[in-house]
Structure formats: structure tokens, C-alpha cells
Amino acid sequence: MIHPVLTDLTKTSFDPELSPGAYNAVNTCLRIQPQEKVTLITDNLCREIAASIAHELLRVGSPFKAYVLEDLAPRPIVELPTEIAEDMETSQVSIFAVRVQPNELKSRMQMTDIVNRRKMRHAHMVNINHQIMLEGMRADFARVDALSKKVIEIVSRAREIRAKNPAGSDFGATLNSNYRWVKTSGIISPDKWGNLPGGEVFTTPGEVNGTYVVDGVVGDYLCERYPDLASQPLTIRIQNNRITEVFSDNKVLEEDFWAYTHTDENSDVVGEFAIGTNLELKQVIGQILQDEKFPGLHIAFGNPYGAHTGATWYSSTHIDVVGTRFDIWVDGQQIMEKGHFLIEA
């Protein structure tokens, strides 16, 4: 018997240009097999993209159920709907293709808690759109994975990473050997769910000090409000791993970012320290799902994804910030110059 929401989704028409990215998601990144059950979660804004993914699942022959959030509860989704949670308990794979709204992070964490506990392969496609499907999702993820492996081999032995960019960033991180580096290159395994498009390696830093100038984009729901910071960057001063000051010519952005990063006692702590490795990306587009994979060094304040990095502290928030044209040194060895890797994939 076909699930009624699934019937509706499979009848949704979609732009055939979405198909290469959808194929990559199902076959290259998740490597879904015919005998594996899939939970597909979407919303009204991403329904067409989810339909293209559903079409690929049908071609594989994998059983799946699809859920449209607005059919289950009013937005924002504060708690993960029971129907989704129960279905995930019997699935090997889950896909989340949704345009998020403020105050929905808790429900997403509830979803990834199930993923982590059950060791599901999970594709996290937050704020996916047509442009990302036609750009980042068409990457050669085998090549991105090869580069990511080389980067993680270098950084996992490092004690210190330093970075600068022309916008004025100048900061360094001392690394904690108790925290693991994680590779999310687009090739998703049961060990770590991953964003799609993939292309980064990250850890929780020991301590970050210095200045990070965001001339690219900020994350979570602020991304949609401020999609391009090139003309009005956000400058963040960091001392002992915490934000001490933020300023921008855009005072509303400054106030919004400060409020977000002071939601709880750890919202202003650098929880993620990451290097983007998606070589397909040539510019920042104002969509954090793709832009955090842009070659460079980005950080995030708040939740450190401790289940994967080994960090023992927690925050209810997580916001990435992305700058451009970075020079990066790992224990004095330069691995990137003006946003271009000096190591081969």
C-alpha cells in the first residue's frame, strides 16, 4: 500500500534539470540499495526538489515514505512530528530537504538524535534550492572526497591552524587532541550524517583567538535575511574561544547576530572549525548549505556536534559564518592561498 503523502509527491512535476543532482544524492552520496527503506522529509517550498529525489528512489526500487511538514503541523516545527520519528525508526536512510524557519533547530536536533542513535545514513539538505541543485549537487563527489581525505590527514595531526583574508580576518586556533576531525565530503556513511551538497572537514577547536571578518554569509535563518555581506561585512572579535565584540555598518545585522549568539550560555563559543573542500564552487551565493562548503575556512558558534567531535559541552544554537579568499597555514605549512588549495585532490 502506498502512503498517501508519497502518492502526492510522486505525482508532483519537476524541472528535469534537477535530476543530475537528485541522482547524485541517491546513488553517489547515499548509495541507496533497493532493499533499504528511506524516510523523505520536505516542505511546500522544497516539494519540487523532493519530487526529483523521489523519482530517483523509484528508479532504484527502494521503499520510502515522504512527509511534507505543513501536512503534519503548523510552521515553525518546534517538535519533530511523531509520524516522522516513528517512520525513521524503521528506515536505514533519511533525507531532509526543507526551507527552515526560526525556532526549528530543536526539531532538527531531535531528528539527528534518531539518526545518530540508529546510525542511519542521513542527507541534511537544509534550505536546498534550484541553484544549489544545479551547482553544488552536481559536484564530482569522488574528487571532493579525495581532497577531503588529504586535508583531514594534514589537519588531524596539527597543533595550530592560522588563517587570514583580504577582508581583514586574522585568527588562529589551537587544537585539542581529544576532539576528532570529521569528514563530510558528500559521501555519507552510517558514522556521520552529512549535509548535501557535501565538502568540508571540521572539528571542535581547543581555542580560537583573533578576528574573523564575514564577507560571505552567515547561517541558520539569518542567511535569508542577509544573503550577501560583501559590501557590509560583519567583523567578529574572538578571545578565549568566545565572542567579545561584533560590528558592521549594517546595524540590524549586528544586533541580530549578537542576539542569536547570546541565546544561551554557550551560543557565543566557537563550536566548529572547518575547511570547505567542494571544488565545484566558484563563489558564495548567499545560501549557507552550499556556501559553508566553499573552499576556505569557516567557523560556527554554538553546538559543537559533540556526538561526532567528542566535545562534551552543548548549546541549543549553531550558526556558521563564511569568509572568502583565505590563506591557511597548518603548523606553518601553507595549504591554501587566496582561496585556492595548494594540495592536489
Foldseek 3Di string as FASTA:
>chain_A
DADPVLVVLLPDAADCLLQLLLCCLDCVAQNDALAFEEEEEEAPVCSRSSNSNSVNNVVRNHHYHYYHVVVQDDPPPQAAGPVRLVVLLRGQEYEHAYAHDPNNLNNVVVVVVSLLVVLHAYEYAYPDDDVCSNFLSNFPLVQLVVVQVVVQVQQLPFQKKWKDAPVGWTKMFGADNLWHKDAFSSRTGSLDHHYPVGFKIKIFTQFMFTKDKFQAAKDDPVLVVPLGCVVKIKIFGGDRQFTDAIDTPPVVVRVVVVCQLVVDPQSRGFQMKMAARRPRDDGHGSHCSPQVNQGDIKIKTFANPCSRTVDDDHGSDIMIGDHFQMFMAGNRRTQDGGRHGPDGD
